[in-house]
Amino acid sequence: MMAIDPINGRTVYGVAALSCRFRRILTTELTSRIKRRGIGNRALLQLGQMQNPNAALIVQNLTLESLANPANGLSDFKATRCVAMASDGGFKVVVKGIWRTKEITLKGDI
């Protein structure tokens, strides 16, 4: 797997590329990309509303839905656990799962 790190513009491979793709999916609203309307995460619609445990559960569910979406390109990552916690500007999301027979933890902010 190969990706470009949005922070420094370098090409990254393996787990670093998976992490970059995960962060891109978390921060992209569904249907916002031209010619790639299926890429993104519906959890961004929860921003700007009250942050409570119910909203965190909705964010967890929608994040898992976006990871299962084949258009996002993470079909080889199988999520086993997702936790969303309220933070200052939104939610912090931590997803644990299996990728290429390794247990991986992905983190990102919404």
PDB file of N, CA and C in Angstrom:
ATOM      1  N   MET A   1       0.849  -1.167   0.000  1.00  0.00           N
ATOM      2  CA  MET A   1       0.000   0.000   0.000  1.00  0.00           C
ATOM      3  C   MET A   1       0.900   1.237   0.000  1.00  0.00           C
ATOM      4  N   MET A   2       0.512   2.221  -0.776  1.00  0.00           N
ATOM      5  CA  MET A   2       1.286   3.445  -0.909  1.00  0.00           C
ATOM      6  C   MET A   2       0.344   4.645  -0.767  1.00  0.00           C
ATOM      7  N   ALA A   3       0.845   5.721  -0.152  1.00  0.00           N
ATOM      8  CA  ALA A   3       0.058   6.953  -0.008  1.00  0.00           C
ATOM      9  C   ALA A   3       1.020   8.127   0.103  1.00  0.00           C
ATOM     10  N   ILE A   4       0.473   9.312   0.084  1.00  0.00           N
ATOM     11  CA  ILE A   4       1.259  10.526   0.263  1.00  0.00           C
ATOM     12  C   ILE A   4       0.858  11.156   1.580  1.00  0.00           C
ATOM     13  N   ASP A   5       1.845  11.415   2.427  1.00  0.00           N
ATOM     14  CA  ASP A   5       1.596  12.012   3.732  1.00  0.00           C
ATOM     15  C   ASP A   5       1.168  13.468   3.524  1.00  0.00           C
ATOM     16  N   PRO A   6      -0.032  13.845   3.998  1.00  0.00           N
ATOM     17  CA  PRO A   6      -0.510  15.211   3.762  1.00  0.00           C
ATOM     18  C   PRO A   6       0.250  16.273   4.552  1.00  0.00           C
ATOM     19  N   ILE A   7       0.990  15.878   5.569  1.00  0.00           N
ATOM     20  CA  ILE A   7       1.719  16.847   6.382  1.00  0.00           C
ATOM     21  C   ILE A   7       3.017  17.270   5.713  1.00  0.00           C
ATOM     22  N   ASN A   8       3.819  16.297   5.229  1.00  0.00           N
ATOM     23  CA  ASN A   8       5.111  16.658   4.651  1.00  0.00           C
ATOM     24  C   ASN A   8       5.236  16.349   3.157  1.00  0.00           C
ATOM     25  N   GLY A   9       4.239  15.692   2.557  1.00  0.00           N
ATOM     26  CA  GLY A   9       4.240  15.438   1.125  1.00  0.00           C
ATOM     27  C   GLY A   9       5.093  14.268   0.685  1.00  0.00           C
ATOM     28  N   ARG A  10       5.619  13.508   1.611  1.00  0.00           N
ATOM     29  CA  ARG A  10       6.457  12.369   1.260  1.00  0.00           C
ATOM     30  C   ARG A  10       5.608  11.139   0.963  1.00  0.00           C
ATOM     31  N   THR A  11       6.171  10.246   0.186  1.00  0.00           N
ATOM     32  CA  THR A  11       5.515   8.984  -0.105  1.00  0.00           C
ATOM     33  C   THR A  11       5.736   8.045   1.075  1.00  0.00           C
ATOM     34  N   VAL A  12       4.665   7.422   1.534  1.00  0.00           N
ATOM     35  CA  VAL A  12       4.753   6.489   2.656  1.00  0.00           C
ATOM     36  C   VAL A  12       4.179   5.144   2.226  1.00  0.00           C
ATOM     37  N   TYR A  13       4.640   4.099   2.891  1.00  0.00           N
ATOM     38  CA  TYR A  13       4.236   2.742   2.555  1.00  0.00           C
ATOM     39  C   TYR A  13       3.780   2.012   3.809  1.00  0.00           C
ATOM     40  N   GLY A  14       3.077   0.905   3.619  1.00  0.00           N
ATOM     41  CA  GLY A  14       2.714   0.018   4.716  1.00  0.00           C
ATOM     42  C   GLY A  14       1.751   0.638   5.708  1.00  0.00           C
ATOM     43  N   VAL A  15       2.077   0.496   6.992  1.00  0.00           N
ATOM     44  CA  VAL A  15       1.202   0.967   8.065  1.00  0.00           C
ATOM     45  C   VAL A  15       1.058   2.489   8.025  1.00  0.00           C
ATOM     46  N   ALA A  16       2.116   3.197   7.667  1.00  0.00           N
ATOM     47  CA  ALA A  16       2.036   4.659   7.575  1.00  0.00           C
ATOM     48  C   ALA A  16       1.046   5.074   6.479  1.00  0.00           C
ATOM     49  N   ALA A  17       1.025   4.353   5.371  1.00  0.00           N
ATOM     50  CA  ALA A  17       0.076   4.642   4.294  1.00  0.00           C
ATOM     51  C   ALA A  17      -1.352   4.336   4.739  1.00  0.00           C
ATOM     52  N   LEU A  18      -1.525   3.244   5.459  1.00  0.00           N
ATOM     53  CA  LEU A  18      -2.843   2.897   5.991  1.00  0.00           C
ATOM     54  C   LEU A  18      -3.345   3.987   6.931  1.00  0.00           C
ATOM     55  N   SER A  19      -2.467   4.493   7.778  1.00  0.00           N
ATOM     56  CA  SER A  19      -2.837   5.556   8.706  1.00  0.00           C
ATOM     57  C   SER A  19      -3.223   6.840   7.972  1.00  0.00           C
ATOM     58  N   CYS A  20      -2.489   7.171   6.910  1.00  0.00           N
ATOM     59  CA  CYS A  20      -2.818   8.374   6.116  1.00  0.00           C
ATOM     60  C   CYS A  20      -4.177   8.225   5.446  1.00  0.00           C
ATOM     61  N   ARG A  21      -4.457   7.064   4.901  1.00  0.00           N
ATOM     62  CA  ARG A  21      -5.759   6.838   4.266  1.00  0.00           C
ATOM     63  C   ARG A  21      -6.890   6.902   5.285  1.00  0.00           C
ATOM     64  N   PHE A  22      -6.643   6.350   6.468  1.00  0.00           N
ATOM     65  CA  PHE A  22      -7.652   6.390   7.527  1.00  0.00           C
ATOM     66  C   PHE A  22      -7.966   7.828   7.911  1.00  0.00           C
ATOM     67  N   ARG A  23      -6.939   8.660   8.110  1.00  0.00           N
ATOM     68  CA  ARG A  23      -7.168  10.062   8.470  1.00  0.00           C
ATOM     69  C   ARG A  23      -7.878  10.816   7.343  1.00  0.00           C
ATOM     70  N   ARG A  24      -7.554  10.488   6.097  1.00  0.00           N
ATOM     71  CA  ARG A  24      -8.219  11.141   4.966  1.00  0.00           C
ATOM     72  C   ARG A  24      -9.700  10.793   4.935  1.00  0.00           C
ATOM     73  N   ILE A  25     -10.004   9.534   5.194  1.00  0.00           N
ATOM     74  CA  ILE A  25     -11.405   9.105   5.192  1.00  0.00           C
ATOM     75  C   ILE A  25     -12.166   9.764   6.344  1.00  0.00           C
ATOM     76  N   LEU A  26     -11.530   9.848   7.511  1.00  0.00           N
ATOM     77  CA  LEU A  26     -12.188  10.468   8.665  1.00  0.00           C
ATOM     78  C   LEU A  26     -12.551  11.922   8.409  1.00  0.00           C
ATOM     79  N   THR A  27     -11.703  12.632   7.704  1.00  0.00           N
ATOM     80  CA  THR A  27     -11.895  14.075   7.545  1.00  0.00           C
ATOM     81  C   THR A  27     -12.555  14.469   6.231  1.00  0.00           C
ATOM     82  N   THR A  28     -12.990  13.495   5.431  1.00  0.00           N
ATOM     83  CA  THR A  28     -13.660  13.781   4.164  1.00  0.00           C
ATOM     84  C   THR A  28     -15.145  13.517   4.309  1.00  0.00           C
ATOM     85  N   GLU A  29     -15.934  14.516   4.015  1.00  0.00           N
ATOM     86  CA  GLU A  29     -17.386  14.335   4.073  1.00  0.00           C
ATOM     87  C   GLU A  29     -17.843  13.537   2.859  1.00  0.00           C
ATOM     88  N   LEU A  30     -18.750  12.609   3.087  1.00  0.00           N
ATOM     89  CA  LEU A  30     -19.266  11.767   2.020  1.00  0.00           C
ATOM     90  C   LEU A  30     -19.880  12.631   0.924  1.00  0.00           C
ATOM     91  N   THR A  31     -19.626  12.312  -0.307  1.00  0.00           N
ATOM     92  CA  THR A  31     -20.071  12.990  -1.536  1.00  0.00           C
ATOM     93  C   THR A  31     -19.383  14.336  -1.773  1.00  0.00           C
ATOM     94  N   SER A  32     -18.340  14.673  -1.043  1.00  0.00           N
ATOM     95  CA  SER A  32     -17.699  15.976  -1.245  1.00  0.00           C
ATOM     96  C   SER A  32     -16.611  15.941  -2.317  1.00  0.00           C
ATOM     97  N   ARG A  33     -16.120  14.768  -2.689  1.00  0.00           N
ATOM     98  CA  ARG A  33     -15.065  14.690  -3.698  1.00  0.00           C
ATOM     99  C   ARG A  33     -15.677  14.499  -5.086  1.00  0.00           C
ATOM    100  N   ILE A  34     -15.260  15.350  -6.002  1.00  0.00           N
ATOM    101  CA  ILE A  34     -15.743  15.263  -7.375  1.00  0.00           C
ATOM    102  C   ILE A  34     -15.226  13.963  -8.004  1.00  0.00           C
ATOM    103  N   LYS A  35     -16.062  13.262  -8.727  1.00  0.00           N
ATOM    104  CA  LYS A  35     -15.779  12.000  -9.408  1.00  0.00           C
ATOM    105  C   LYS A  35     -15.503  10.843  -8.452  1.00  0.00           C
ATOM    106  N   ARG A  36     -15.535  11.078  -7.166  1.00  0.00           N
ATOM    107  CA  ARG A  36     -15.370  10.017  -6.165  1.00  0.00           C
ATOM    108  C   ARG A  36     -16.366  10.262  -5.040  1.00  0.00           C
ATOM    109  N   ARG A  37     -17.617  10.267  -5.370  1.00  0.00           N
ATOM    110  CA  ARG A  37     -18.682  10.605  -4.419  1.00  0.00           C
ATOM    111  C   ARG A  37     -18.841   9.585  -3.294  1.00  0.00           C
ATOM    112  N   GLY A  38     -18.345   8.367  -3.472  1.00  0.00           N
ATOM    113  CA  GLY A  38     -18.503   7.344  -2.452  1.00  0.00           C
ATOM    114  C   GLY A  38     -17.480   7.402  -1.333  1.00  0.00           C
ATOM    115  N   ILE A  39     -16.430   8.214  -1.503  1.00  0.00           N
ATOM    116  CA  ILE A  39     -15.367   8.298  -0.503  1.00  0.00           C
ATOM    117  C   ILE A  39     -15.776   9.259   0.602  1.00  0.00           C
ATOM    118  N   GLY A  40     -15.534   8.856   1.850  1.00  0.00           N
ATOM    119  CA  GLY A  40     -15.786   9.765   2.959  1.00  0.00           C
ATOM    120  C   GLY A  40     -16.452   9.103   4.138  1.00  0.00           C
ATOM    121  N   ASN A  41     -16.861   9.952   5.072  1.00  0.00           N
ATOM    122  CA  ASN A  41     -17.396   9.499   6.343  1.00  0.00           C
ATOM    123  C   ASN A  41     -18.616  10.357   6.700  1.00  0.00           C
ATOM    124  N   ARG A  42     -19.737   9.701   6.973  1.00  0.00           N
ATOM    125  CA  ARG A  42     -20.946  10.435   7.348  1.00  0.00           C
ATOM    126  C   ARG A  42     -20.879  10.970   8.781  1.00  0.00           C
ATOM    127  N   ALA A  43     -19.892  10.569   9.559  1.00  0.00           N
ATOM    128  CA  ALA A  43     -19.778  11.018  10.952  1.00  0.00           C
ATOM    129  C   ALA A  43     -19.512  12.516  11.047  1.00  0.00           C
ATOM    130  N   LEU A  44     -19.029  13.124   9.988  1.00  0.00           N
ATOM    131  CA  LEU A  44     -18.783  14.566  10.015  1.00  0.00           C
ATOM    132  C   LEU A  44     -20.068  15.365  10.180  1.00  0.00           C
ATOM    133  N   LEU A  45     -21.189  14.752   9.863  1.00  0.00           N
ATOM    134  CA  LEU A  45     -22.476  15.436  10.042  1.00  0.00           C
ATOM    135  C   LEU A  45     -22.818  15.624  11.522  1.00  0.00           C
ATOM    136  N   GLN A  46     -22.136  14.900  12.410  1.00  0.00           N
ATOM    137  CA  GLN A  46     -22.381  15.021  13.848  1.00  0.00           C
ATOM    138  C   GLN A  46     -21.656  16.208  14.470  1.00  0.00           C
ATOM    139  N   LEU A  47     -20.735  16.813  13.741  1.00  0.00           N
ATOM    140  CA  LEU A  47     -20.015  17.969  14.273  1.00  0.00           C
ATOM    141  C   LEU A  47     -20.952  19.166  14.365  1.00  0.00           C
ATOM    142  N   GLY A  48     -20.766  19.970  15.375  1.00  0.00           N
ATOM    143  CA  GLY A  48     -21.600  21.144  15.574  1.00  0.00           C
ATOM    144  C   GLY A  48     -22.847  20.857  16.392  1.00  0.00           C
ATOM    145  N   GLN A  49     -23.002  19.615  16.824  1.00  0.00           N
ATOM    146  CA  GLN A  49     -24.129  19.261  17.678  1.00  0.00           C
ATOM    147  C   GLN A  49     -23.597  18.996  19.088  1.00  0.00           C
ATOM    148  N   MET A  50     -24.494  18.726  19.997  1.00  0.00           N
ATOM    149  CA  MET A  50     -24.091  18.451  21.372  1.00  0.00           C
ATOM    150  C   MET A  50     -23.201  17.202  21.423  1.00  0.00           C
ATOM    151  N   GLN A  51     -22.100  17.315  22.182  1.00  0.00           N
ATOM    152  CA  GLN A  51     -21.220  16.165  22.356  1.00  0.00           C
ATOM    153  C   GLN A  51     -21.640  15.422  23.616  1.00  0.00           C
ATOM    154  N   ASN A  52     -22.231  14.287  23.423  1.00  0.00           N
ATOM    155  CA  ASN A  52     -22.668  13.469  24.544  1.00  0.00           C
ATOM    156  C   ASN A  52     -22.398  12.011  24.189  1.00  0.00           C
ATOM    157  N   PRO A  53     -22.615  11.094  25.127  1.00  0.00           N
ATOM    158  CA  PRO A  53     -22.345   9.678  24.831  1.00  0.00           C
ATOM    159  C   PRO A  53     -23.144   9.132  23.639  1.00  0.00           C
ATOM    160  N   ASN A  54     -24.348   9.619  23.426  1.00  0.00           N
ATOM    161  CA  ASN A  54     -25.129   9.154  22.268  1.00  0.00           C
ATOM    162  C   ASN A  54     -24.476   9.575  20.958  1.00  0.00           C
ATOM    163  N   ALA A  55     -23.974  10.808  20.911  1.00  0.00           N
ATOM    164  CA  ALA A  55     -23.296  11.288  19.705  1.00  0.00           C
ATOM    165  C   ALA A  55     -22.014  10.498  19.463  1.00  0.00           C
ATOM    166  N   ALA A  56     -21.304  10.139  20.531  1.00  0.00           N
ATOM    167  CA  ALA A  56     -20.087   9.339  20.389  1.00  0.00           C
ATOM    168  C   ALA A  56     -20.403   7.961  19.819  1.00  0.00           C
ATOM    169  N   LEU A  57     -21.507   7.362  20.242  1.00  0.00           N
ATOM    170  CA  LEU A  57     -21.908   6.067  19.687  1.00  0.00           C
ATOM    171  C   LEU A  57     -22.248   6.175  18.200  1.00  0.00           C
ATOM    172  N   ILE A  58     -22.896   7.260  17.828  1.00  0.00           N
ATOM    173  CA  ILE A  58     -23.231   7.474  16.415  1.00  0.00           C
ATOM    174  C   ILE A  58     -21.959   7.635  15.599  1.00  0.00           C
ATOM    175  N   VAL A  59     -20.989   8.393  16.121  1.00  0.00           N
ATOM    176  CA  VAL A  59     -19.710   8.580  15.421  1.00  0.00           C
ATOM    177  C   VAL A  59     -18.985   7.244  15.273  1.00  0.00           C
ATOM    178  N   GLN A  60     -19.002   6.427  16.315  1.00  0.00           N
ATOM    179  CA  GLN A  60     -18.376   5.107  16.228  1.00  0.00           C
ATOM    180  C   GLN A  60     -19.023   4.264  15.130  1.00  0.00           C
ATOM    181  N   ASN A  61     -20.328   4.244  15.113  1.00  0.00           N
ATOM    182  CA  ASN A  61     -21.058   3.444  14.128  1.00  0.00           C
ATOM    183  C   ASN A  61     -20.778   3.927  12.708  1.00  0.00           C
ATOM    184  N   LEU A  62     -20.825   5.223  12.495  1.00  0.00           N
ATOM    185  CA  LEU A  62     -20.607   5.764  11.155  1.00  0.00           C
ATOM    186  C   LEU A  62     -19.159   5.603  10.708  1.00  0.00           C
ATOM    187  N   THR A  63     -18.214   5.635  11.647  1.00  0.00           N
ATOM    188  CA  THR A  63     -16.809   5.403  11.302  1.00  0.00           C
ATOM    189  C   THR A  63     -16.604   3.956  10.869  1.00  0.00           C
ATOM    190  N   LEU A  64     -17.199   3.018  11.580  1.00  0.00           N
ATOM    191  CA  LEU A  64     -17.107   1.614  11.177  1.00  0.00           C
ATOM    192  C   LEU A  64     -17.770   1.392   9.818  1.00  0.00           C
ATOM    193  N   GLU A  65     -18.858   2.103   9.572  1.00  0.00           N
ATOM    194  CA  GLU A  65     -19.523   2.013   8.266  1.00  0.00           C
ATOM    195  C   GLU A  65     -18.597   2.502   7.162  1.00  0.00           C
ATOM    196  N   SER A  66     -17.877   3.595   7.404  1.00  0.00           N
ATOM    197  CA  SER A  66     -16.980   4.131   6.381  1.00  0.00           C
ATOM    198  C   SER A  66     -15.786   3.210   6.148  1.00  0.00           C
ATOM    199  N   LEU A  67     -15.325   2.511   7.183  1.00  0.00           N
ATOM    200  CA  LEU A  67     -14.226   1.562   6.993  1.00  0.00           C
ATOM    201  C   LEU A  67     -14.667   0.355   6.176  1.00  0.00           C
ATOM    202  N   ALA A  68     -15.922  -0.015   6.271  1.00  0.00           N
ATOM    203  CA  ALA A  68     -16.446  -1.154   5.516  1.00  0.00           C
ATOM    204  C   ALA A  68     -16.820  -0.778   4.078  1.00  0.00           C
ATOM    205  N   ASN A  69     -16.889   0.501   3.788  1.00  0.00           N
ATOM    206  CA  ASN A  69     -17.256   0.970   2.458  1.00  0.00           C
ATOM    207  C   ASN A  69     -16.121   0.659   1.472  1.00  0.00           C
ATOM    208  N   PRO A  70     -16.358  -0.148   0.426  1.00  0.00           N
ATOM    209  CA  PRO A  70     -15.288  -0.496  -0.514  1.00  0.00           C
ATOM    210  C   PRO A  70     -14.736   0.703  -1.283  1.00  0.00           C
ATOM    211  N   ALA A  71     -15.511   1.762  -1.443  1.00  0.00           N
ATOM    212  CA  ALA A  71     -15.044   2.941  -2.171  1.00  0.00           C
ATOM    213  C   ALA A  71     -13.902   3.644  -1.436  1.00  0.00           C
ATOM    214  N   ASN A  72     -13.809   3.465  -0.123  1.00  0.00           N
ATOM    215  CA  ASN A  72     -12.764   4.128   0.659  1.00  0.00           C
ATOM    216  C   ASN A  72     -11.410   3.439   0.558  1.00  0.00           C
ATOM    217  N   GLY A  73     -11.353   2.238   0.020  1.00  0.00           N
ATOM    218  CA  GLY A  73     -10.088   1.573  -0.224  1.00  0.00           C
ATOM    219  C   GLY A  73      -9.434   0.948   0.992  1.00  0.00           C
ATOM    220  N   LEU A  74     -10.194   0.689   2.027  1.00  0.00           N
ATOM    221  CA  LEU A  74      -9.635   0.041   3.213  1.00  0.00           C
ATOM    222  C   LEU A  74     -10.297  -1.309   3.475  1.00  0.00           C
ATOM    223  N   SER A  75     -10.675  -2.002   2.416  1.00  0.00           N
ATOM    224  CA  SER A  75     -11.384  -3.269   2.584  1.00  0.00           C
ATOM    225  C   SER A  75     -10.496  -4.360   3.159  1.00  0.00           C
ATOM    226  N   ASP A  76      -9.164  -4.223   3.064  1.00  0.00           N
ATOM    227  CA  ASP A  76      -8.278  -5.235   3.639  1.00  0.00           C
ATOM    228  C   ASP A  76      -8.029  -5.021   5.129  1.00  0.00           C
ATOM    229  N   PHE A  77      -8.522  -3.913   5.692  1.00  0.00           N
ATOM    230  CA  PHE A  77      -8.437  -3.665   7.133  1.00  0.00           C
ATOM    231  C   PHE A  77      -9.752  -4.091   7.775  1.00  0.00           C
ATOM    232  N   LYS A  78      -9.688  -4.997   8.730  1.00  0.00           N
ATOM    233  CA  LYS A  78     -10.881  -5.491   9.419  1.00  0.00           C
ATOM    234  C   LYS A  78     -10.912  -4.912  10.827  1.00  0.00           C
ATOM    235  N   ALA A  79     -11.805  -3.982  11.073  1.00  0.00           N
ATOM    236  CA  ALA A  79     -11.916  -3.330  12.383  1.00  0.00           C
ATOM    237  C   ALA A  79     -12.521  -4.286  13.398  1.00  0.00           C
ATOM    238  N   THR A  80     -11.927  -4.313  14.586  1.00  0.00           N
ATOM    239  CA  THR A  80     -12.448  -5.135  15.666  1.00  0.00           C
ATOM    240  C   THR A  80     -13.002  -4.293  16.806  1.00  0.00           C
ATOM    241  N   ARG A  81     -12.535  -3.054  16.928  1.00  0.00           N
ATOM    242  CA  ARG A  81     -12.997  -2.180  18.009  1.00  0.00           C
ATOM    243  C   ARG A  81     -12.863  -0.732  17.593  1.00  0.00           C
ATOM    244  N   CYS A  82     -13.858   0.062  17.926  1.00  0.00           N
ATOM    245  CA  CYS A  82     -13.848   1.491  17.614  1.00  0.00           C
ATOM    246  C   CYS A  82     -14.312   2.262  18.837  1.00  0.00           C
ATOM    247  N   VAL A  83     -13.564   3.296  19.202  1.00  0.00           N
ATOM    248  CA  VAL A  83     -13.920   4.141  20.340  1.00  0.00           C
ATOM    249  C   VAL A  83     -13.839   5.600  19.885  1.00  0.00           C
ATOM    250  N   ALA A  84     -14.901   6.342  20.115  1.00  0.00           N
ATOM    251  CA  ALA A  84     -14.923   7.780  19.832  1.00  0.00           C
ATOM    252  C   ALA A  84     -15.106   8.519  21.150  1.00  0.00           C
ATOM    253  N   MET A  85     -14.231   9.496  21.392  1.00  0.00           N
ATOM    254  CA  MET A  85     -14.286  10.282  22.623  1.00  0.00           C
ATOM    255  C   MET A  85     -14.414  11.751  22.267  1.00  0.00           C
ATOM    256  N   ALA A  86     -15.254  12.453  23.002  1.00  0.00           N
ATOM    257  CA  ALA A  86     -15.409  13.891  22.764  1.00  0.00           C
ATOM    258  C   ALA A  86     -14.107  14.606  23.090  1.00  0.00           C
ATOM    259  N   SER A  87     -13.735  15.570  22.251  1.00  0.00           N
ATOM    260  CA  SER A  87     -12.534  16.379  22.477  1.00  0.00           C
ATOM    261  C   SER A  87     -12.905  17.841  22.293  1.00  0.00           C
ATOM    262  N   ASP A  88     -11.914  18.705  22.335  1.00  0.00           N
ATOM    263  CA  ASP A  88     -12.176  20.145  22.250  1.00  0.00           C
ATOM    264  C   ASP A  88     -12.869  20.549  20.956  1.00  0.00           C
ATOM    265  N   GLY A  89     -12.377  20.042  19.829  1.00  0.00           N
ATOM    266  CA  GLY A  89     -12.930  20.476  18.554  1.00  0.00           C
ATOM    267  C   GLY A  89     -13.813  19.467  17.862  1.00  0.00           C
ATOM    268  N   GLY A  90     -14.101  18.358  18.481  1.00  0.00           N
ATOM    269  CA  GLY A  90     -14.914  17.328  17.836  1.00  0.00           C
ATOM    270  C   GLY A  90     -14.804  16.018  18.573  1.00  0.00           C
ATOM    271  N   PHE A  91     -14.298  14.994  17.872  1.00  0.00           N
ATOM    272  CA  PHE A  91     -14.153  13.669  18.458  1.00  0.00           C
ATOM    273  C   PHE A  91     -12.786  13.101  18.121  1.00  0.00           C
ATOM    274  N   LYS A  92     -12.204  12.386  19.048  1.00  0.00           N
ATOM    275  CA  LYS A  92     -11.004  11.596  18.796  1.00  0.00           C
ATOM    276  C   LYS A  92     -11.472  10.162  18.573  1.00  0.00           C
ATOM    277  N   VAL A  93     -11.019   9.568  17.486  1.00  0.00           N
ATOM    278  CA  VAL A  93     -11.445   8.222  17.120  1.00  0.00           C
ATOM    279  C   VAL A  93     -10.236   7.294  17.140  1.00  0.00           C
ATOM    280  N   VAL A  94     -10.385   6.166  17.821  1.00  0.00           N
ATOM    281  CA  VAL A  94      -9.354   5.130  17.872  1.00  0.00           C
ATOM    282  C   VAL A  94      -9.988   3.832  17.393  1.00  0.00           C
ATOM    283  N   VAL A  95      -9.400   3.247  16.364  1.00  0.00           N
ATOM    284  CA  VAL A  95      -9.911   1.999  15.798  1.00  0.00           C
ATOM    285  C   VAL A  95      -8.808   0.954  15.861  1.00  0.00           C
ATOM    286  N   LYS A  96      -9.145  -0.182  16.435  1.00  0.00           N
ATOM    287  CA  LYS A  96      -8.222  -1.314  16.459  1.00  0.00           C
ATOM    288  C   LYS A  96      -8.740  -2.353  15.490  1.00  0.00           C
ATOM    289  N   GLY A  97      -7.806  -2.997  14.800  1.00  0.00           N
ATOM    290  CA  GLY A  97      -8.215  -4.007  13.843  1.00  0.00           C
ATOM    291  C   GLY A  97      -7.049  -4.822  13.344  1.00  0.00           C
ATOM    292  N   ILE A  98      -7.329  -5.637  12.348  1.00  0.00           N
ATOM    293  CA  ILE A  98      -6.324  -6.534  11.786  1.00  0.00           C
ATOM    294  C   ILE A  98      -6.083  -6.137  10.333  1.00  0.00           C
ATOM    295  N   TRP A  99      -4.810  -5.988   9.988  1.00  0.00           N
ATOM    296  CA  TRP A  99      -4.396  -5.655   8.631  1.00  0.00           C
ATOM    297  C   TRP A  99      -3.190  -6.524   8.300  1.00  0.00           C
ATOM    298  N   ARG A 100      -3.331  -7.363   7.298  1.00  0.00           N
ATOM    299  CA  ARG A 100      -2.260  -8.269   6.875  1.00  0.00           C
ATOM    300  C   ARG A 100      -1.748  -9.103   8.050  1.00  0.00           C
ATOM    301  N   THR A 101      -2.641  -9.683   8.778  1.00  0.00           N
ATOM    302  CA  THR A 101      -2.408 -10.564   9.941  1.00  0.00           C
ATOM    303  C   THR A 101      -1.739  -9.869  11.126  1.00  0.00           C
ATOM    304  N   LYS A 102      -1.680  -8.549  11.134  1.00  0.00           N
ATOM    305  CA  LYS A 102      -1.116  -7.803  12.262  1.00  0.00           C
ATOM    306  C   LYS A 102      -2.214  -6.990  12.925  1.00  0.00           C
ATOM    307  N   GLU A 103      -2.134  -6.866  14.245  1.00  0.00           N
ATOM    308  CA  GLU A 103      -3.057  -5.983  14.945  1.00  0.00           C
ATOM    309  C   GLU A 103      -2.542  -4.566  14.873  1.00  0.00           C
ATOM    310  N   ILE A 104      -3.393  -3.665  14.421  1.00  0.00           N
ATOM    311  CA  ILE A 104      -3.015  -2.281  14.190  1.00  0.00           C
ATOM    312  C   ILE A 104      -3.983  -1.373  14.916  1.00  0.00           C
ATOM    313  N   THR A 105      -3.483  -0.246  15.421  1.00  0.00           N
ATOM    314  CA  THR A 105      -4.331   0.782  16.023  1.00  0.00           C
ATOM    315  C   THR A 105      -4.221   2.043  15.183  1.00  0.00           C
ATOM    316  N   LEU A 106      -5.351   2.530  14.701  1.00  0.00           N
ATOM    317  CA  LEU A 106      -5.417   3.754  13.910  1.00  0.00           C
ATOM    318  C   LEU A 106      -6.085   4.843  14.740  1.00  0.00           C
ATOM    319  N   LYS A 107      -5.515   6.052  14.685  1.00  0.00           N
ATOM    320  CA  LYS A 107      -6.058   7.175  15.456  1.00  0.00           C
ATOM    321  C   LYS A 107      -6.276   8.362  14.539  1.00  0.00           C
ATOM    322  N   GLY A 108      -7.303   9.122  14.835  1.00  0.00           N
ATOM    323  CA  GLY A 108      -7.590  10.318  14.059  1.00  0.00           C
ATOM    324  C   GLY A 108      -8.565  11.221  14.757  1.00  0.00           C
ATOM    325  N   ASP A 109      -8.687  12.429  14.258  1.00  0.00           N
ATOM    326  CA  ASP A 109      -9.602  13.421  14.821  1.00  0.00           C
ATOM    327  C   ASP A 109     -10.656  13.783  13.788  1.00  0.00           C
ATOM    328  N   ILE A 110     -11.859  13.941  14.295  1.00  0.00           N
ATOM    329  CA  ILE A 110     -12.964  14.431  13.455  1.00  0.00           C
ATOM    330  C   ILE A 110     -13.309  15.810  13.950  1.00  0.00           C
TER     331      ILE A 110
END
